[in-house]
Protein backbone atom coordinates (compact mmCIF):
# COMPACT_ATOMS: atom_id res chain seq x y z
CA THR A 1 -7.86 -18.21 -8.40
CA ILE A 2 -6.30 -20.69 -11.06
CA ALA A 3 -4.41 -22.42 -8.20
CA TYR A 4 -7.71 -22.54 -6.03
CA ILE A 5 -9.55 -24.37 -9.22
CA ASP A 6 -6.74 -26.72 -9.89
CA ASN A 7 -6.59 -27.80 -6.07
CA ASN A 8 -9.70 -27.10 -4.07
CA ASP A 9 -7.95 -28.05 -0.84
CA ILE A 10 -5.07 -25.62 -1.13
CA SER A 11 -4.16 -23.69 2.06
CA ILE A 12 -3.97 -19.90 2.84
CA GLU A 13 -0.31 -20.37 2.91
CA GLU A 14 0.03 -22.10 -0.46
CA LEU A 15 -2.20 -19.36 -1.85
CA MET A 16 0.35 -16.71 -0.35
CA THR A 17 2.98 -18.17 -2.81
CA HIS A 18 0.81 -16.58 -5.53
CA ILE A 19 -0.66 -13.44 -3.89
CA LYS A 20 2.39 -12.19 -2.09
CA ALA A 21 0.58 -8.96 -0.77
CA PRO A 22 -1.95 -6.39 -1.62
CA ASP A 23 -0.76 -3.99 -4.80
CA PHE A 24 -1.46 -0.04 -3.72
CA PRO A 25 -1.66 2.16 -6.55
CA THR A 26 0.76 4.86 -5.11
CA GLY A 27 3.82 2.62 -4.92
CA ALA A 28 5.02 2.76 -1.66
CA MET A 29 6.46 -0.24 -0.02
CA ILE A 30 4.77 -2.82 2.77
CA TYR A 31 6.88 -2.48 6.14
CA GLY A 32 6.80 -5.94 7.54
CA ILE A 33 4.66 -9.20 6.37
CA GLN A 34 2.74 -9.94 9.77
CA GLY A 35 -0.06 -7.37 8.85
CA VAL A 36 -0.45 -8.95 5.28
CA LYS A 37 -0.39 -12.44 7.09
CA ASN A 38 -3.20 -11.46 9.43
CA ALA A 39 -5.38 -9.83 6.80
CA PHE A 40 -4.85 -13.13 4.70
CA GLU A 41 -5.45 -15.57 7.42
CA THR A 42 -8.13 -13.63 9.65
CA GLY A 43 -9.63 -10.94 7.33
CA ARG A 44 -8.54 -8.12 9.45
CA GLY A 45 -5.02 -6.65 9.56
CA ARG A 46 -2.87 -3.66 9.82
CA ILE A 47 -0.50 -3.02 7.00
CA VAL A 48 2.38 -0.57 7.51
CA MET A 49 3.46 1.50 4.34
CA ARG A 50 6.48 3.50 4.07
CA ALA A 51 7.58 5.83 0.98
CA HIS A 52 10.72 4.87 -0.54
CA ALA A 53 13.44 7.18 -0.08
CA ASN A 54 16.88 7.58 -1.72
CA PHE A 55 20.09 9.40 -0.55
CA GLU A 56 21.87 11.57 -3.02
CA VAL A 57 24.72 14.25 -2.51
CA THR A 58 24.59 17.39 -4.77
CA LYS A 59 27.45 18.70 -6.69
CA THR A 60 28.28 21.31 -3.67
CA GLY A 61 28.43 18.19 -1.35
CA LYS A 62 24.78 18.81 0.31
CA ASP A 63 23.18 15.63 1.34
CA GLN A 64 19.51 15.09 -0.02
CA ILE A 65 16.45 13.00 0.86
CA ILE A 66 14.53 12.15 -2.36
CA ILE A 67 11.08 10.62 -1.97
CA ASN A 68 9.53 9.05 -5.19
CA ASP A 69 6.13 8.04 -3.79
CA VAL A 70 3.71 8.19 -0.79
CA PRO A 71 1.80 5.70 0.91
CA TYR A 72 -1.88 5.05 -0.10
CA MET A 73 -4.36 7.31 0.71
CA VAL A 74 -1.85 10.22 1.63
CA ASN A 75 -2.27 13.62 -0.20
CA LYS A 76 0.99 14.88 -1.38
CA ALA A 77 0.02 18.69 -0.84
CA ASN A 78 -1.06 18.04 2.76
CA LEU A 79 1.78 15.96 3.46
CA ILE A 80 4.42 18.81 2.32
CA GLU A 81 2.68 21.38 4.36
CA LYS A 82 2.29 19.53 7.55
CA THR A 83 6.07 18.37 7.00
CA ALA A 84 7.00 22.02 6.43
CA GLY A 85 5.19 23.03 9.54
CA LEU A 86 7.27 20.50 11.74
CA ILE A 87 10.32 21.55 10.25
CA ASN A 88 9.40 25.21 11.12
CA GLU A 89 8.58 24.25 14.85
CA LYS A 90 11.79 22.31 15.15
CA LYS A 91 9.79 19.05 15.91
CA ILE A 92 12.15 17.72 12.82
CA GLU A 93 15.82 18.98 12.80
CA GLY A 94 18.50 18.55 10.22
CA ILE A 95 16.54 19.98 7.04
CA SER A 96 17.47 23.33 5.61
CA ASP A 97 15.08 23.19 2.43
CA LEU A 98 12.06 21.16 1.23
CA ARG A 99 10.92 21.27 -2.58
CA ASP A 100 8.30 19.71 -4.50
CA GLU A 101 9.55 18.79 -7.73
CA SER A 102 7.12 16.49 -9.11
CA ASP A 103 6.06 16.81 -12.80
CA ARG A 104 4.58 14.48 -15.23
CA ASP A 105 6.96 11.90 -15.09
CA GLY A 106 6.19 11.25 -11.41
CA LEU A 107 6.37 12.18 -7.85
CA ARG A 108 9.72 13.86 -6.27
CA ILE A 109 10.07 15.50 -2.92
CA VAL A 110 13.23 16.62 -1.91
CA PHE A 111 14.80 17.34 1.32
CA ASP A 112 17.86 19.18 1.53
CA LEU A 113 20.00 18.43 4.72
CA LYS A 114 22.27 20.64 6.91
CA LYS A 115 25.89 19.98 7.02
CA ASP A 116 25.79 18.34 10.58
CA ALA A 117 22.84 16.18 9.75
CA ILE A 118 22.90 12.54 9.57
CA PRO A 119 20.66 11.52 6.48
CA ASN A 120 19.48 7.93 8.28
CA VAL A 121 18.52 9.96 11.46
CA VAL A 122 16.47 12.45 9.47
CA LEU A 123 14.60 10.00 7.58
CA ASN A 124 13.74 7.87 10.80
CA ASN A 125 12.25 11.17 12.21
CA LEU A 126 10.54 11.95 8.83
CA TYR A 127 8.85 8.39 9.04
CA LYS A 128 8.11 8.87 12.46
CA HIS A 129 6.43 12.27 12.51
CA THR A 130 4.89 12.76 9.02
CA GLN A 131 2.62 10.45 6.81
CA LEU A 132 5.84 9.06 5.21
CA GLN A 133 5.03 5.99 7.03
CA THR A 134 1.20 5.25 7.57
CA SER A 135 -0.80 2.11 8.23
CA PHE A 136 -3.75 0.58 6.22
CA SER A 137 -6.33 -1.37 8.33
CA VAL A 138 -7.60 -4.15 6.33
CA ASN A 139 -11.11 -5.49 7.02
CA ASN A 140 -12.42 -7.92 4.30
CA VAL A 141 -16.06 -7.82 4.52
CA ALA A 142 -18.51 -9.46 1.81
CA LEU A 143 -21.90 -9.93 1.29
CA VAL A 144 -22.29 -14.06 1.43
CA LYS A 145 -26.00 -15.09 0.67
CA GLY A 146 -27.14 -11.72 1.45
CA ARG A 147 -25.33 -11.42 4.96
CA PRO A 148 -21.92 -9.68 5.62
CA GLU A 149 -19.21 -11.77 6.64
CA ILE A 150 -15.49 -10.96 7.32
CA LEU A 151 -13.62 -13.41 4.99
CA ASN A 152 -9.79 -14.94 4.77
CA LEU A 153 -7.95 -15.06 1.55
CA LYS A 154 -9.18 -18.56 0.76
CA GLN A 155 -13.05 -17.82 1.29
CA LEU A 156 -12.71 -14.65 -0.83
CA ILE A 157 -11.47 -16.85 -3.72
CA VAL A 158 -14.35 -19.58 -3.18
CA TYR A 159 -17.05 -17.11 -2.79
CA TYR A 160 -15.59 -15.22 -6.12
CA VAL A 161 -15.44 -18.65 -8.09
CA GLU A 162 -19.01 -19.60 -7.21
CA HIS A 163 -20.32 -15.85 -8.12
CA ARG A 164 -18.52 -16.36 -11.27
CA HIS A 165 -19.77 -19.89 -12.07
CA GLU A 166 -23.36 -18.66 -11.27
CA VAL A 167 -22.88 -15.85 -13.63
CA ILE A 168 -21.85 -17.88 -16.31
CA VAL A 169 -24.70 -20.62 -16.02
CA ARG A 170 -27.37 -17.68 -16.09
CA ARG A 171 -25.77 -15.88 -18.98
CA THR A 172 -25.57 -19.25 -20.91
CA GLN A 173 -29.34 -20.21 -19.86
CA PHE A 174 -30.24 -16.91 -21.05
CA GLU A 175 -28.81 -17.20 -24.51
CA LEU A 176 -29.98 -20.79 -24.85
CA GLU A 177 -33.72 -19.56 -24.10
CA GLU A 178 -33.23 -16.57 -26.61
CA ALA A 179 -31.83 -18.88 -29.25
CA GLN A 180 -34.80 -21.00 -28.78
């Protein structure tokens, strides 16, 4: 907003140096930037999100996949239940155990792998078949002078600044009339 106020002719590309991408509250990573660019340039886009995954080896030598966050709008309990179902149906192979070790400190889902399983292959299957990778559709619709419009990033900021200006002028006029 400050960059737009300083330079009203700023381009969407220049605005994107200040706003890299949407900030989702669950903390998953955005996979690929093209969906974000489309959303910022046209007001519509599809953003692919993936859970962060780490590989660990237990003291006994077993490989584990640790998930520390989930994509936005994904319910952890449903994710675990559906993943367990896919493991039982043998649609996802290489996992011997699935545990939810989440506590107050944060989310933690642990997949124990079988001895012959390749961690990267199992993780890619998890992304493919479960909600550890999902997409979020962006549709920037806002009311402009009482009519809904699809707005790009710059238009959103322009109308926001106009709105704030109007609010401040009206508030100041009200306070002036009250003081007089």
